[in-house]
Structures are given as structure tokens and as C-alpha cells.
C-alpha atoms as a PDB file:
ATOM      1  CA  UNK A   1      11.166 -78.314  45.552  1.00  0.00           C
ATOM      2  CA  UNK A   2       7.765 -79.965  45.312  1.00  0.00           C
ATOM      3  CA  UNK A   3       5.012 -78.285  47.308  1.00  0.00           C
ATOM      4  CA  UNK A   4       4.078 -80.658  50.160  1.00  0.00           C
ATOM      5  CA  UNK A   5       0.333 -80.535  49.407  1.00  0.00           C
ATOM      6  CA  UNK A   6       0.959 -81.311  45.751  1.00  0.00           C
ATOM      7  CA  UNK A   7      -0.034 -84.622  44.231  1.00  0.00           C
ATOM      8  CA  UNK A   8       3.557 -84.809  42.946  1.00  0.00           C
ATOM      9  CA  UNK A   9       4.790 -85.630  46.447  1.00  0.00           C
ATOM     10  CA  UNK A  10       3.500 -89.139  45.692  1.00  0.00           C
ATOM     11  CA  UNK A  11       5.922 -89.483  42.796  1.00  0.00           C
ATOM     12  CA  UNK A  12       6.204 -88.318  39.224  1.00  0.00           C
ATOM     13  CA  UNK A  13       6.688 -89.701  35.758  1.00  0.00           C
ATOM     14  CA  UNK A  14       7.783 -87.932  32.623  1.00  0.00           C
ATOM     15  CA  UNK A  15       5.912 -88.743  29.442  1.00  0.00           C
ATOM     16  CA  UNK A  16       5.979 -87.388  25.897  1.00  0.00           C
ATOM     17  CA  UNK A  17       2.915 -85.471  24.765  1.00  0.00           C
ATOM     18  CA  UNK A  18       2.877 -83.816  21.357  1.00  0.00           C
ATOM     19  CA  UNK A  19       6.662 -84.011  21.285  1.00  0.00           C
ATOM     20  CA  UNK A  20       7.176 -82.375  24.698  1.00  0.00           C
ATOM     21  CA  UNK A  21       8.169 -83.863  28.040  1.00  0.00           C
ATOM     22  CA  UNK A  22       5.282 -83.596  30.508  1.00  0.00           C
ATOM     23  CA  UNK A  23       5.515 -84.249  34.245  1.00  0.00           C
ATOM     24  CA  UNK A  24       2.606 -86.279  35.574  1.00  0.00           C
ATOM     25  CA  UNK A  25       1.656 -88.188  38.693  1.00  0.00           C
ATOM     26  CA  UNK A  26      -0.036 -90.905  36.604  1.00  0.00           C
ATOM     27  CA  UNK A  27       1.845 -94.180  36.891  1.00  0.00           C
ATOM     28  CA  UNK A  28       3.434 -93.227  40.209  1.00  0.00           C
ATOM     29  CA  UNK A  29       2.559 -93.957  43.838  1.00  0.00           C
ATOM     30  CA  UNK A  30      -0.368 -91.620  43.223  1.00  0.00           C
ATOM     31  CA  UNK A  31      -2.068 -94.537  41.477  1.00  0.00           C
ATOM     32  CA  UNK A  32      -2.045 -96.474  44.775  1.00  0.00           C
ATOM     33  CA  UNK A  33      -3.461 -93.494  46.635  1.00  0.00           C
ATOM     34  CA  UNK A  34      -6.262 -93.132  44.102  1.00  0.00           C
ATOM     35  CA  UNK A  35      -7.027 -96.839  44.207  1.00  0.00           C
ATOM     36  CA  UNK A  36      -7.336 -96.832  48.004  1.00  0.00           C
ATOM     37  CA  UNK A  37      -8.443 -93.267  48.670  1.00  0.00           C
ATOM     38  CA  UNK A  38     -11.958 -94.071  49.895  1.00  0.00           C
ATOM     39  CA  UNK A  39     -10.601 -96.451  52.532  1.00  0.00           C
ATOM     40  CA  UNK A  40      -7.925 -93.987  53.685  1.00  0.00           C
ATOM     41  CA  UNK A  41     -10.159 -91.036  54.593  1.00  0.00           C
ATOM     42  CA  UNK A  42     -13.540 -90.400  56.122  1.00  0.00           C
ATOM     43  CA  UNK A  43     -15.584 -87.936  54.160  1.00  0.00           C
ATOM     44  CA  UNK A  44     -18.586 -85.663  54.249  1.00  0.00           C
ATOM     45  CA  UNK A  45     -20.822 -84.523  51.436  1.00  0.00           C
ATOM     46  CA  UNK A  46     -20.973 -80.963  50.187  1.00  0.00           C
ATOM     47  CA  UNK A  47     -22.624 -79.051  47.377  1.00  0.00           C
ATOM     48  CA  UNK A  48     -20.469 -76.978  45.033  1.00  0.00           C
ATOM     49  CA  UNK A  49     -21.627 -73.356  45.401  1.00  0.00           C
ATOM     50  CA  UNK A  50     -22.318 -71.308  42.278  1.00  0.00           C
ATOM     51  CA  UNK A  51     -19.270 -69.098  42.851  1.00  0.00           C
ATOM     52  CA  UNK A  52     -17.030 -72.201  42.819  1.00  0.00           C
ATOM     53  CA  UNK A  53     -18.239 -73.530  39.456  1.00  0.00           C
ATOM     54  CA  UNK A  54     -15.233 -75.176  37.750  1.00  0.00           C
ATOM     55  CA  UNK A  55     -12.990 -74.051  40.652  1.00  0.00           C
ATOM     56  CA  UNK A  56     -11.896 -76.961  42.862  1.00  0.00           C
ATOM     57  CA  UNK A  57      -9.118 -74.723  44.193  1.00  0.00           C
ATOM     58  CA  UNK A  58     -11.658 -72.413  45.847  1.00  0.00           C
ATOM     59  CA  UNK A  59     -13.533 -75.344  47.370  1.00  0.00           C
ATOM     60  CA  UNK A  60     -10.221 -76.723  48.648  1.00  0.00           C
ATOM     61  CA  UNK A  61      -9.575 -73.415  50.397  1.00  0.00           C
ATOM     62  CA  UNK A  62     -12.954 -73.502  52.155  1.00  0.00           C
ATOM     63  CA  UNK A  63     -12.380 -76.959  53.656  1.00  0.00           C
ATOM     64  CA  UNK A  64      -8.591 -77.084  54.058  1.00  0.00           C
ATOM     65  CA  UNK A  65      -7.513 -73.425  54.271  1.00  0.00           C
ATOM     66  CA  UNK A  66      -5.283 -74.007  51.248  1.00  0.00           C
ATOM     67  CA  UNK A  67      -5.883 -74.253  47.515  1.00  0.00           C
ATOM     68  CA  UNK A  68      -3.309 -77.058  47.490  1.00  0.00           C
ATOM     69  CA  UNK A  69      -5.777 -79.928  47.830  1.00  0.00           C
ATOM     70  CA  UNK A  70      -7.830 -79.143  44.719  1.00  0.00           C
ATOM     71  CA  UNK A  71      -6.431 -82.298  43.149  1.00  0.00           C
ATOM     72  CA  UNK A  72      -7.643 -84.480  46.017  1.00  0.00           C
ATOM     73  CA  UNK A  73     -11.207 -83.220  45.580  1.00  0.00           C
ATOM     74  CA  UNK A  74     -10.931 -84.062  41.892  1.00  0.00           C
ATOM     75  CA  UNK A  75      -9.446 -87.530  42.472  1.00  0.00           C
ATOM     76  CA  UNK A  76     -11.758 -88.436  45.354  1.00  0.00           C
ATOM     77  CA  UNK A  77     -14.793 -87.629  43.221  1.00  0.00           C
ATOM     78  CA  UNK A  78     -13.392 -89.202  40.054  1.00  0.00           C
ATOM     79  CA  UNK A  79     -13.535 -85.882  38.205  1.00  0.00           C
ATOM     80  CA  UNK A  80     -11.069 -85.506  35.350  1.00  0.00           C
ATOM     81  CA  UNK A  81     -12.264 -82.190  33.910  1.00  0.00           C
ATOM     82  CA  UNK A  82     -13.156 -79.357  36.305  1.00  0.00           C
ATOM     83  CA  UNK A  83     -15.070 -77.539  33.567  1.00  0.00           C
ATOM     84  CA  UNK A  84     -17.507 -80.429  33.196  1.00  0.00           C
ATOM     85  CA  UNK A  85     -17.355 -82.385  36.441  1.00  0.00           C
ATOM     86  CA  UNK A  86     -16.901 -79.662  39.045  1.00  0.00           C
ATOM     87  CA  UNK A  87     -20.168 -77.860  38.322  1.00  0.00           C
ATOM     88  CA  UNK A  88     -22.137 -75.632  40.668  1.00  0.00           C
ATOM     89  CA  UNK A  89     -24.865 -77.546  42.439  1.00  0.00           C
ATOM     90  CA  UNK A  90     -23.152 -80.947  42.166  1.00  0.00           C
ATOM     91  CA  UNK A  91     -22.795 -82.888  45.400  1.00  0.00           C
ATOM     92  CA  UNK A  92     -19.251 -84.061  46.063  1.00  0.00           C
ATOM     93  CA  UNK A  93     -17.444 -86.071  48.702  1.00  0.00           C
ATOM     94  CA  UNK A  94     -15.012 -84.042  50.781  1.00  0.00           C
ATOM     95  CA  UNK A  95     -12.244 -86.087  52.451  1.00  0.00           C
ATOM     96  CA  UNK A  96     -11.598 -85.271  56.104  1.00  0.00           C
ATOM     97  CA  UNK A  97      -7.819 -84.988  56.274  1.00  0.00           C
END
């Protein structure tokens, strides 16, 4: 069963990576969500606190009372690597769900 706050609820694809099958949301309906995400949700701005450096899951919990929307914070802010893009002090957009 796919967790209902997971990005995989928008569809999945299986691709080969280094000889292994990997499940990904890339190439699924998630692509449409990403393409239109700014028009689908209102947002507010927030600053990533120092204790949330590289931890979009913790920031998700603050705003949505679940760690399940970490991926939406990443996608909405066009961040592909939480260790580089989700840095303390950065200002991010936070979708109002």
C-alpha cells in the first residue's frame, strides 16, 4: 500500500539504475503536478531554521503535522539535493495545502 501523502500516489515508474530496478515518480503523473504546482497552491515564505538543515522532513512536520510532505517542499522549491539545497537560513516557499 502506498502512503497517501507519498509522491508515489501520483504514479510510479520502474527504471534500471546500476543494474537494479528502482521505483521512481519521475515520468509519471508527478511530472504534471511539478509542472503546474505553483498554480495549484497558494504559498507563504519561510526560513529554514538551523536545526532543520538538510531535513525537509522536519520542516514538513512543522507546517503539515506530518513528515510525509517533505517531497512537496523539495519539488515546490526546485531542490534536488537536501544536503545542498535545503540549507539553514535559506528562504523557501511553503505550499498551503
